[in-house]
Amino acid sequence: MKRSTIIIASLFTIASIAVSCKSSSATTEGSGQRKGGDRPNLETIFAQLDTNKDGKISKSEAKGPLAERFSTIDTNEDGFITKEELKNAPKPERKRERRN
């Protein structure tokens, strides 16, 4: 469980980098793009990865940690990740720093 959480956190990080590379400035709310330091939403992730625009991400469209953990996220094992499956994937846990 902990490992999958780290993988999902990495996915969001990669998606964030991809979005920031596409746009050098934050856009208005509701556009699906990053604003400030927020994580990209599902719409943004799908806009970046769903290259054939069929509303789902195939294994060939998946990149990085999403590709590595594809079978874990594809819970119905149909060969595609839907927005619902990605939304229900384990959320990353924040690391707490030790205070001395």
PDB file of N, CA and C in Angstrom:
ATOM      1  N   MET A   1       0.833  -1.194   0.000  1.00  0.00           N
ATOM      2  CA  MET A   1       0.000   0.000   0.000  1.00  0.00           C
ATOM      3  C   MET A   1       0.876   1.256   0.000  1.00  0.00           C
ATOM      4  N   LYS A   2       1.917   1.258   0.845  1.00  0.00           N
ATOM      5  CA  LYS A   2       2.785   2.423   0.937  1.00  0.00           C
ATOM      6  C   LYS A   2       3.494   2.666  -0.398  1.00  0.00           C
ATOM      7  N   ARG A   3       3.910   1.595  -1.052  1.00  0.00           N
ATOM      8  CA  ARG A   3       4.612   1.734  -2.326  1.00  0.00           C
ATOM      9  C   ARG A   3       3.681   2.308  -3.391  1.00  0.00           C
ATOM     10  N   SER A   4       2.439   1.849  -3.434  1.00  0.00           N
ATOM     11  CA  SER A   4       1.511   2.384  -4.434  1.00  0.00           C
ATOM     12  C   SER A   4       1.205   3.850  -4.167  1.00  0.00           C
ATOM     13  N   THR A   5       1.191   4.244  -2.915  1.00  0.00           N
ATOM     14  CA  THR A   5       0.972   5.639  -2.565  1.00  0.00           C
ATOM     15  C   THR A   5       2.113   6.509  -3.095  1.00  0.00           C
ATOM     16  N   ILE A   6       3.315   6.022  -2.983  1.00  0.00           N
ATOM     17  CA  ILE A   6       4.479   6.753  -3.486  1.00  0.00           C
ATOM     18  C   ILE A   6       4.400   6.850  -5.007  1.00  0.00           C
ATOM     19  N   ILE A   7       3.987   5.779  -5.663  1.00  0.00           N
ATOM     20  CA  ILE A   7       3.873   5.781  -7.114  1.00  0.00           C
ATOM     21  C   ILE A   7       2.829   6.799  -7.565  1.00  0.00           C
ATOM     22  N   ILE A   8       1.682   6.822  -6.890  1.00  0.00           N
ATOM     23  CA  ILE A   8       0.627   7.769  -7.252  1.00  0.00           C
ATOM     24  C   ILE A   8       1.110   9.199  -7.030  1.00  0.00           C
ATOM     25  N   ALA A   9       1.822   9.429  -5.942  1.00  0.00           N
ATOM     26  CA  ALA A   9       2.371  10.766  -5.684  1.00  0.00           C
ATOM     27  C   ALA A   9       3.325  11.163  -6.805  1.00  0.00           C
ATOM     28  N   SER A  10       4.118  10.207  -7.281  1.00  0.00           N
ATOM     29  CA  SER A  10       5.035  10.480  -8.383  1.00  0.00           C
ATOM     30  C   SER A  10       4.278  10.821  -9.659  1.00  0.00           C
ATOM     31  N   LEU A  11       3.167  10.118  -9.894  1.00  0.00           N
ATOM     32  CA  LEU A  11       2.331  10.405 -11.068  1.00  0.00           C
ATOM     33  C   LEU A  11       1.862  11.849 -11.053  1.00  0.00           C
ATOM     34  N   PHE A  12       1.352  12.293  -9.912  1.00  0.00           N
ATOM     35  CA  PHE A  12       0.883  13.664  -9.813  1.00  0.00           C
ATOM     36  C   PHE A  12       2.028  14.652  -9.995  1.00  0.00           C
ATOM     37  N   THR A  13       3.211  14.306  -9.514  1.00  0.00           N
ATOM     38  CA  THR A  13       4.370  15.178  -9.693  1.00  0.00           C
ATOM     39  C   THR A  13       4.738  15.291 -11.168  1.00  0.00           C
ATOM     40  N   ILE A  14       4.757  14.153 -11.863  1.00  0.00           N
ATOM     41  CA  ILE A  14       5.088  14.160 -13.290  1.00  0.00           C
ATOM     42  C   ILE A  14       4.046  14.942 -14.074  1.00  0.00           C
ATOM     43  N   ALA A  15       2.777  14.729 -13.743  1.00  0.00           N
ATOM     44  CA  ALA A  15       1.718  15.468 -14.429  1.00  0.00           C
ATOM     45  C   ALA A  15       1.857  16.959 -14.169  1.00  0.00           C
ATOM     46  N   SER A  16       2.232  17.326 -12.951  1.00  0.00           N
ATOM     47  CA  SER A  16       2.426  18.739 -12.623  1.00  0.00           C
ATOM     48  C   SER A  16       3.548  19.353 -13.447  1.00  0.00           C
ATOM     49  N   ILE A  17       4.633  18.605 -13.604  1.00  0.00           N
ATOM     50  CA  ILE A  17       5.758  19.095 -14.396  1.00  0.00           C
ATOM     51  C   ILE A  17       5.349  19.249 -15.853  1.00  0.00           C
ATOM     52  N   ALA A  18       4.601  18.276 -16.372  1.00  0.00           N
ATOM     53  CA  ALA A  18       4.152  18.353 -17.764  1.00  0.00           C
ATOM     54  C   ALA A  18       3.277  19.571 -17.989  1.00  0.00           C
ATOM     55  N   VAL A  19       2.387  19.841 -17.042  1.00  0.00           N
ATOM     56  CA  VAL A  19       1.499  20.994 -17.171  1.00  0.00           C
ATOM     57  C   VAL A  19       2.293  22.286 -17.097  1.00  0.00           C
ATOM     58  N   SER A  20       3.242  22.372 -16.178  1.00  0.00           N
ATOM     59  CA  SER A  20       4.004  23.608 -16.035  1.00  0.00           C
ATOM     60  C   SER A  20       4.914  23.839 -17.242  1.00  0.00           C
ATOM     61  N   CYS A  21       5.330  22.776 -17.908  1.00  0.00           N
ATOM     62  CA  CYS A  21       6.134  22.931 -19.122  1.00  0.00           C
ATOM     63  C   CYS A  21       5.292  23.467 -20.271  1.00  0.00           C
ATOM     64  N   LYS A  22       4.020  23.098 -20.311  1.00  0.00           N
ATOM     65  CA  LYS A  22       3.125  23.550 -21.371  1.00  0.00           C
ATOM     66  C   LYS A  22       2.740  25.013 -21.205  1.00  0.00           C
ATOM     67  N   SER A  23       2.653  25.454 -19.958  1.00  0.00           N
ATOM     68  CA  SER A  23       2.202  26.818 -19.691  1.00  0.00           C
ATOM     69  C   SER A  23       3.125  27.455 -18.670  1.00  0.00           C
ATOM     70  N   SER A  24       3.668  28.589 -19.001  1.00  0.00           N
ATOM     71  CA  SER A  24       4.608  29.227 -18.089  1.00  0.00           C
ATOM     72  C   SER A  24       3.917  30.042 -17.008  1.00  0.00           C
ATOM     73  N   SER A  25       2.616  30.266 -17.160  1.00  0.00           N
ATOM     74  CA  SER A  25       1.900  30.998 -16.122  1.00  0.00           C
ATOM     75  C   SER A  25       0.616  30.271 -15.771  1.00  0.00           C
ATOM     76  N   ALA A  26       0.142  30.486 -14.551  1.00  0.00           N
ATOM     77  CA  ALA A  26      -1.111  29.863 -14.112  1.00  0.00           C
ATOM     78  C   ALA A  26      -2.280  30.500 -14.858  1.00  0.00           C
ATOM     79  N   THR A  27      -3.314  29.667 -15.109  1.00  0.00           N
ATOM     80  CA  THR A  27      -4.489  30.177 -15.802  1.00  0.00           C
ATOM     81  C   THR A  27      -5.625  30.338 -14.817  1.00  0.00           C
ATOM     82  N   THR A  28      -6.765  30.787 -15.305  1.00  0.00           N
ATOM     83  CA  THR A  28      -7.888  31.044 -14.427  1.00  0.00           C
ATOM     84  C   THR A  28      -8.484  29.767 -13.890  1.00  0.00           C
ATOM     85  N   GLU A  29      -9.213  29.868 -12.776  1.00  0.00           N
ATOM     86  CA  GLU A  29      -9.856  28.709 -12.180  1.00  0.00           C
ATOM     87  C   GLU A  29     -10.864  28.118 -13.146  1.00  0.00           C
ATOM     88  N   GLY A  30     -11.044  26.775 -13.032  1.00  0.00           N
ATOM     89  CA  GLY A  30     -12.026  26.091 -13.851  1.00  0.00           C
ATOM     90  C   GLY A  30     -11.514  25.675 -15.209  1.00  0.00           C
ATOM     91  N   SER A  31     -10.296  26.052 -15.550  1.00  0.00           N
ATOM     92  CA  SER A  31      -9.770  25.707 -16.866  1.00  0.00           C
ATOM     93  C   SER A  31      -9.135  24.334 -16.885  1.00  0.00           C
ATOM     94  N   GLY A  32      -8.917  23.722 -15.702  1.00  0.00           N
ATOM     95  CA  GLY A  32      -8.271  22.422 -15.640  1.00  0.00           C
ATOM     96  C   GLY A  32      -6.765  22.524 -15.550  1.00  0.00           C
ATOM     97  N   GLN A  33      -6.219  23.710 -15.644  1.00  0.00           N
ATOM     98  CA  GLN A  33      -4.786  23.897 -15.545  1.00  0.00           C
ATOM     99  C   GLN A  33      -4.401  24.191 -14.095  1.00  0.00           C
ATOM    100  N   ARG A  34      -3.120  24.066 -13.814  1.00  0.00           N
ATOM    101  CA  ARG A  34      -2.612  24.355 -12.475  1.00  0.00           C
ATOM    102  C   ARG A  34      -2.760  25.826 -12.153  1.00  0.00           C
ATOM    103  N   LYS A  35      -3.001  26.096 -10.917  1.00  0.00           N
ATOM    104  CA  LYS A  35      -2.987  27.457 -10.414  1.00  0.00           C
ATOM    105  C   LYS A  35      -2.186  27.435  -9.124  1.00  0.00           C
ATOM    106  N   GLY A  36      -1.097  28.180  -9.091  1.00  0.00           N
ATOM    107  CA  GLY A  36      -0.254  28.160  -7.909  1.00  0.00           C
ATOM    108  C   GLY A  36       0.439  26.816  -7.770  1.00  0.00           C
ATOM    109  N   GLY A  37       0.418  26.239  -6.553  1.00  0.00           N
ATOM    110  CA  GLY A  37       1.075  24.962  -6.296  1.00  0.00           C
ATOM    111  C   GLY A  37       0.119  23.800  -6.227  1.00  0.00           C
ATOM    112  N   ASP A  38      -1.102  23.964  -6.728  1.00  0.00           N
ATOM    113  CA  ASP A  38      -2.088  22.890  -6.667  1.00  0.00           C
ATOM    114  C   ASP A  38      -1.699  21.733  -7.573  1.00  0.00           C
ATOM    115  N   ARG A  39      -2.163  20.528  -7.193  1.00  0.00           N
ATOM    116  CA  ARG A  39      -1.984  19.361  -8.044  1.00  0.00           C
ATOM    117  C   ARG A  39      -2.900  19.496  -9.250  1.00  0.00           C
ATOM    118  N   PRO A  40      -2.499  18.902 -10.379  1.00  0.00           N
ATOM    119  CA  PRO A  40      -3.398  18.923 -11.530  1.00  0.00           C
ATOM    120  C   PRO A  40      -4.626  18.074 -11.250  1.00  0.00           C
ATOM    121  N   ASN A  41      -5.751  18.476 -11.787  1.00  0.00           N
ATOM    122  CA  ASN A  41      -6.963  17.691 -11.581  1.00  0.00           C
ATOM    123  C   ASN A  41      -7.051  16.592 -12.638  1.00  0.00           C
ATOM    124  N   LEU A  42      -8.074  15.755 -12.525  1.00  0.00           N
ATOM    125  CA  LEU A  42      -8.236  14.645 -13.465  1.00  0.00           C
ATOM    126  C   LEU A  42      -8.329  15.119 -14.910  1.00  0.00           C
ATOM    127  N   GLU A  43      -9.027  16.226 -15.121  1.00  0.00           N
ATOM    128  CA  GLU A  43      -9.175  16.746 -16.484  1.00  0.00           C
ATOM    129  C   GLU A  43      -7.820  17.089 -17.088  1.00  0.00           C
ATOM    130  N   THR A  44      -6.955  17.690 -16.295  1.00  0.00           N
ATOM    131  CA  THR A  44      -5.628  18.068 -16.772  1.00  0.00           C
ATOM    132  C   THR A  44      -4.792  16.833 -17.079  1.00  0.00           C
ATOM    133  N   ILE A  45      -4.841  15.855 -16.186  1.00  0.00           N
ATOM    134  CA  ILE A  45      -4.085  14.616 -16.406  1.00  0.00           C
ATOM    135  C   ILE A  45      -4.558  13.944 -17.688  1.00  0.00           C
ATOM    136  N   PHE A  46      -5.860  13.842 -17.866  1.00  0.00           N
ATOM    137  CA  PHE A  46      -6.391  13.196 -19.064  1.00  0.00           C
ATOM    138  C   PHE A  46      -6.101  14.009 -20.322  1.00  0.00           C
ATOM    139  N   ALA A  47      -6.124  15.328 -20.217  1.00  0.00           N
ATOM    140  CA  ALA A  47      -5.800  16.167 -21.372  1.00  0.00           C
ATOM    141  C   ALA A  47      -4.362  15.912 -21.831  1.00  0.00           C
ATOM    142  N   GLN A  48      -3.468  15.652 -20.873  1.00  0.00           N
ATOM    143  CA  GLN A  48      -2.067  15.413 -21.199  1.00  0.00           C
ATOM    144  C   GLN A  48      -1.816  13.999 -21.722  1.00  0.00           C
ATOM    145  N   LEU A  49      -2.457  12.995 -21.135  1.00  0.00           N
ATOM    146  CA  LEU A  49      -2.129  11.604 -21.448  1.00  0.00           C
ATOM    147  C   LEU A  49      -3.067  10.931 -22.442  1.00  0.00           C
ATOM    148  N   ASP A  50      -4.315  11.323 -22.498  1.00  0.00           N
ATOM    149  CA  ASP A  50      -5.293  10.683 -23.387  1.00  0.00           C
ATOM    150  C   ASP A  50      -5.132  11.250 -24.793  1.00  0.00           C
ATOM    151  N   THR A  51      -4.112  10.774 -25.484  1.00  0.00           N
ATOM    152  CA  THR A  51      -3.750  11.364 -26.774  1.00  0.00           C
ATOM    153  C   THR A  51      -4.787  11.136 -27.865  1.00  0.00           C
ATOM    154  N   ASN A  52      -5.543  10.047 -27.804  1.00  0.00           N
ATOM    155  CA  ASN A  52      -6.570   9.816 -28.830  1.00  0.00           C
ATOM    156  C   ASN A  52      -7.942  10.351 -28.409  1.00  0.00           C
ATOM    157  N   LYS A  53      -7.993  10.986 -27.242  1.00  0.00           N
ATOM    158  CA  LYS A  53      -9.197  11.670 -26.735  1.00  0.00           C
ATOM    159  C   LYS A  53     -10.437  10.768 -26.676  1.00  0.00           C
ATOM    160  N   ASP A  54     -10.234   9.502 -26.246  1.00  0.00           N
ATOM    161  CA  ASP A  54     -11.369   8.595 -26.126  1.00  0.00           C
ATOM    162  C   ASP A  54     -11.925   8.536 -24.699  1.00  0.00           C
ATOM    163  N   GLY A  55     -11.381   9.368 -23.806  1.00  0.00           N
ATOM    164  CA  GLY A  55     -11.897   9.439 -22.444  1.00  0.00           C
ATOM    165  C   GLY A  55     -11.307   8.413 -21.500  1.00  0.00           C
ATOM    166  N   LYS A  56     -10.291   7.687 -21.950  1.00  0.00           N
ATOM    167  CA  LYS A  56      -9.618   6.714 -21.102  1.00  0.00           C
ATOM    168  C   LYS A  56      -8.160   6.627 -21.520  1.00  0.00           C
ATOM    169  N   ILE A  57      -7.317   6.154 -20.599  1.00  0.00           N
ATOM    170  CA  ILE A  57      -5.885   6.065 -20.866  1.00  0.00           C
ATOM    171  C   ILE A  57      -5.520   4.601 -21.077  1.00  0.00           C
ATOM    172  N   SER A  58      -5.003   4.293 -22.251  1.00  0.00           N
ATOM    173  CA  SER A  58      -4.551   2.931 -22.539  1.00  0.00           C
ATOM    174  C   SER A  58      -3.130   2.766 -22.010  1.00  0.00           C
ATOM    175  N   LYS A  59      -2.668   1.530 -21.953  1.00  0.00           N
ATOM    176  CA  LYS A  59      -1.313   1.268 -21.474  1.00  0.00           C
ATOM    177  C   LYS A  59      -0.285   1.982 -22.351  1.00  0.00           C
ATOM    178  N   SER A  60      -0.530   2.074 -23.652  1.00  0.00           N
ATOM    179  CA  SER A  60       0.428   2.747 -24.537  1.00  0.00           C
ATOM    180  C   SER A  60       0.436   4.265 -24.337  1.00  0.00           C
ATOM    181  N   GLU A  61      -0.647   4.829 -23.816  1.00  0.00           N
ATOM    182  CA  GLU A  61      -0.709   6.273 -23.549  1.00  0.00           C
ATOM    183  C   GLU A  61      -0.115   6.617 -22.181  1.00  0.00           C
ATOM    184  N   ALA A  62      -0.117   5.664 -21.261  1.00  0.00           N
ATOM    185  CA  ALA A  62       0.360   5.911 -19.893  1.00  0.00           C
ATOM    186  C   ALA A  62       1.862   6.160 -19.898  1.00  0.00           C
ATOM    187  N   LYS A  63       2.294   7.038 -19.005  1.00  0.00           N
ATOM    188  CA  LYS A  63       3.702   7.394 -18.884  1.00  0.00           C
ATOM    189  C   LYS A  63       4.147   7.276 -17.430  1.00  0.00           C
ATOM    190  N   GLY A  64       5.434   7.066 -17.217  1.00  0.00           N
ATOM    191  CA  GLY A  64       6.046   7.088 -15.895  1.00  0.00           C
ATOM    192  C   GLY A  64       5.385   6.152 -14.901  1.00  0.00           C
ATOM    193  N   PRO A  65       5.168   6.651 -13.681  1.00  0.00           N
ATOM    194  CA  PRO A  65       4.589   5.814 -12.626  1.00  0.00           C
ATOM    195  C   PRO A  65       3.205   5.271 -12.977  1.00  0.00           C
ATOM    196  N   LEU A  66       2.442   6.003 -13.758  1.00  0.00           N
ATOM    197  CA  LEU A  66       1.126   5.507 -14.158  1.00  0.00           C
ATOM    198  C   LEU A  66       1.292   4.246 -15.010  1.00  0.00           C
ATOM    199  N   ALA A  67       2.258   4.240 -15.891  1.00  0.00           N
ATOM    200  CA  ALA A  67       2.519   3.060 -16.713  1.00  0.00           C
ATOM    201  C   ALA A  67       3.027   1.901 -15.857  1.00  0.00           C
ATOM    202  N   GLU A  68       3.893   2.226 -14.891  1.00  0.00           N
ATOM    203  CA  GLU A  68       4.457   1.193 -14.017  1.00  0.00           C
ATOM    204  C   GLU A  68       3.394   0.527 -13.144  1.00  0.00           C
ATOM    205  N   ARG A  69       2.404   1.283 -12.713  1.00  0.00           N
ATOM    206  CA  ARG A  69       1.360   0.770 -11.823  1.00  0.00           C
ATOM    207  C   ARG A  69       0.023   0.592 -12.542  1.00  0.00           C
ATOM    208  N   PHE A  70       0.077   0.501 -13.865  1.00  0.00           N
ATOM    209  CA  PHE A  70      -1.130   0.453 -14.674  1.00  0.00           C
ATOM    210  C   PHE A  70      -2.105  -0.623 -14.207  1.00  0.00           C
ATOM    211  N   SER A  71      -1.618  -1.841 -14.019  1.00  0.00           N
ATOM    212  CA  SER A  71      -2.513  -2.949 -13.661  1.00  0.00           C
ATOM    213  C   SER A  71      -3.123  -2.777 -12.278  1.00  0.00           C
ATOM    214  N   THR A  72      -2.452  -2.063 -11.400  1.00  0.00           N
ATOM    215  CA  THR A  72      -3.002  -1.804 -10.066  1.00  0.00           C
ATOM    216  C   THR A  72      -4.145  -0.790 -10.146  1.00  0.00           C
ATOM    217  N   ILE A  73      -3.992   0.221 -10.969  1.00  0.00           N
ATOM    218  CA  ILE A  73      -5.007   1.269 -11.088  1.00  0.00           C
ATOM    219  C   ILE A  73      -6.179   0.810 -11.958  1.00  0.00           C
ATOM    220  N   ASP A  74      -5.897  -0.020 -12.967  1.00  0.00           N
ATOM    221  CA  ASP A  74      -6.945  -0.548 -13.856  1.00  0.00           C
ATOM    222  C   ASP A  74      -7.688  -1.668 -13.122  1.00  0.00           C
ATOM    223  N   THR A  75      -8.560  -1.292 -12.220  1.00  0.00           N
ATOM    224  CA  THR A  75      -9.197  -2.254 -11.319  1.00  0.00           C
ATOM    225  C   THR A  75     -10.137  -3.224 -12.026  1.00  0.00           C
ATOM    226  N   ASN A  76     -10.751  -2.837 -13.132  1.00  0.00           N
ATOM    227  CA  ASN A  76     -11.639  -3.769 -13.826  1.00  0.00           C
ATOM    228  C   ASN A  76     -10.908  -4.572 -14.907  1.00  0.00           C
ATOM    229  N   GLU A  77      -9.604  -4.361 -15.023  1.00  0.00           N
ATOM    230  CA  GLU A  77      -8.725  -5.118 -15.910  1.00  0.00           C
ATOM    231  C   GLU A  77      -9.192  -5.130 -17.364  1.00  0.00           C
ATOM    232  N   ASP A  78      -9.708  -3.984 -17.836  1.00  0.00           N
ATOM    233  CA  ASP A  78     -10.151  -3.898 -19.228  1.00  0.00           C
ATOM    234  C   ASP A  78      -9.085  -3.317 -20.159  1.00  0.00           C
ATOM    235  N   GLY A  79      -7.910  -3.005 -19.612  1.00  0.00           N
ATOM    236  CA  GLY A  79      -6.833  -2.463 -20.429  1.00  0.00           C
ATOM    237  C   GLY A  79      -6.836  -0.956 -20.554  1.00  0.00           C
ATOM    238  N   PHE A  80      -7.715  -0.299 -19.793  1.00  0.00           N
ATOM    239  CA  PHE A  80      -7.798   1.162 -19.821  1.00  0.00           C
ATOM    240  C   PHE A  80      -7.960   1.687 -18.403  1.00  0.00           C
ATOM    241  N   ILE A  81      -7.464   2.900 -18.182  1.00  0.00           N
ATOM    242  CA  ILE A  81      -7.695   3.596 -16.910  1.00  0.00           C
ATOM    243  C   ILE A  81      -8.696   4.705 -17.191  1.00  0.00           C
ATOM    244  N   THR A  82      -9.792   4.669 -16.465  1.00  0.00           N
ATOM    245  CA  THR A  82     -10.823   5.697 -16.607  1.00  0.00           C
ATOM    246  C   THR A  82     -10.603   6.771 -15.547  1.00  0.00           C
ATOM    247  N   LYS A  83     -11.307   7.869 -15.694  1.00  0.00           N
ATOM    248  CA  LYS A  83     -11.225   8.929 -14.686  1.00  0.00           C
ATOM    249  C   LYS A  83     -11.671   8.404 -13.332  1.00  0.00           C
ATOM    250  N   GLU A  84     -12.688   7.560 -13.317  1.00  0.00           N
ATOM    251  CA  GLU A  84     -13.193   6.997 -12.062  1.00  0.00           C
ATOM    252  C   GLU A  84     -12.134   6.122 -11.396  1.00  0.00           C
ATOM    253  N   GLU A  85     -11.438   5.301 -12.174  1.00  0.00           N
ATOM    254  CA  GLU A  85     -10.387   4.453 -11.610  1.00  0.00           C
ATOM    255  C   GLU A  85      -9.236   5.294 -11.067  1.00  0.00           C
ATOM    256  N   LEU A  86      -8.854   6.328 -11.792  1.00  0.00           N
ATOM    257  CA  LEU A  86      -7.768   7.183 -11.319  1.00  0.00           C
ATOM    258  C   LEU A  86      -8.201   7.967 -10.089  1.00  0.00           C
ATOM    259  N   LYS A  87      -9.451   8.416 -10.082  1.00  0.00           N
ATOM    260  CA  LYS A  87      -9.973   9.150  -8.929  1.00  0.00           C
ATOM    261  C   LYS A  87      -9.977   8.271  -7.678  1.00  0.00           C
ATOM    262  N   ASN A  88     -10.242   6.975  -7.834  1.00  0.00           N
ATOM    263  CA  ASN A  88     -10.310   6.057  -6.704  1.00  0.00           C
ATOM    264  C   ASN A  88      -8.974   5.424  -6.347  1.00  0.00           C
ATOM    265  N   ALA A  89      -7.913   5.758  -7.088  1.00  0.00           N
ATOM    266  CA  ALA A  89      -6.582   5.240  -6.767  1.00  0.00           C
ATOM    267  C   ALA A  89      -6.159   5.796  -5.409  1.00  0.00           C
ATOM    268  N   PRO A  90      -5.325   5.054  -4.675  1.00  0.00           N
ATOM    269  CA  PRO A  90      -4.888   5.534  -3.357  1.00  0.00           C
ATOM    270  C   PRO A  90      -4.251   6.910  -3.437  1.00  0.00           C
ATOM    271  N   LYS A  91      -4.624   7.766  -2.528  1.00  0.00           N
ATOM    272  CA  LYS A  91      -4.074   9.122  -2.469  1.00  0.00           C
ATOM    273  C   LYS A  91      -2.708   9.088  -1.787  1.00  0.00           C
ATOM    274  N   PRO A  92      -1.788   9.930  -2.241  1.00  0.00           N
ATOM    275  CA  PRO A  92      -0.459   9.952  -1.608  1.00  0.00           C
ATOM    276  C   PRO A  92      -0.531  10.485  -0.193  1.00  0.00           C
ATOM    277  N   GLU A  93       0.283   9.882   0.663  1.00  0.00           N
ATOM    278  CA  GLU A  93       0.380  10.364   2.035  1.00  0.00           C
ATOM    279  C   GLU A  93       1.491  11.404   2.095  1.00  0.00           C
ATOM    280  N   ARG A  94       1.251  12.423   2.881  1.00  0.00           N
ATOM    281  CA  ARG A  94       2.298  13.434   3.055  1.00  0.00           C
ATOM    282  C   ARG A  94       3.322  12.917   4.041  1.00  0.00           C
ATOM    283  N   LYS A  95       4.573  13.164   3.724  1.00  0.00           N
ATOM    284  CA  LYS A  95       5.635  12.786   4.650  1.00  0.00           C
ATOM    285  C   LYS A  95       5.710  13.837   5.735  1.00  0.00           C
ATOM    286  N   ARG A  96       5.799  13.370   6.948  1.00  0.00           N
ATOM    287  CA  ARG A  96       5.951  14.305   8.064  1.00  0.00           C
ATOM    288  C   ARG A  96       7.416  14.386   8.434  1.00  0.00           C
ATOM    289  N   GLU A  97       7.877  15.618   8.560  1.00  0.00           N
ATOM    290  CA  GLU A  97       9.276  15.812   8.943  1.00  0.00           C
ATOM    291  C   GLU A  97       9.394  15.657  10.445  1.00  0.00           C
ATOM    292  N   ARG A  98      10.494  15.043  10.828  1.00  0.00           N
ATOM    293  CA  ARG A  98      10.761  14.913  12.264  1.00  0.00           C
ATOM    294  C   ARG A  98      11.207  16.250  12.818  1.00  0.00           C
ATOM    295  N   ARG A  99      10.676  16.549  13.952  1.00  0.00           N
ATOM    296  CA  ARG A  99      11.118  17.769  14.632  1.00  0.00           C
ATOM    297  C   ARG A  99      11.983  17.371  15.806  1.00  0.00           C
ATOM    298  N   ASN A 100      13.136  18.008  15.914  1.00  0.00           N
ATOM    299  CA  ASN A 100      14.065  17.706  17.010  1.00  0.00           C
ATOM    300  C   ASN A 100      13.836  18.591  18.184  1.00  0.00           C
TER     301      ASN A 100
END
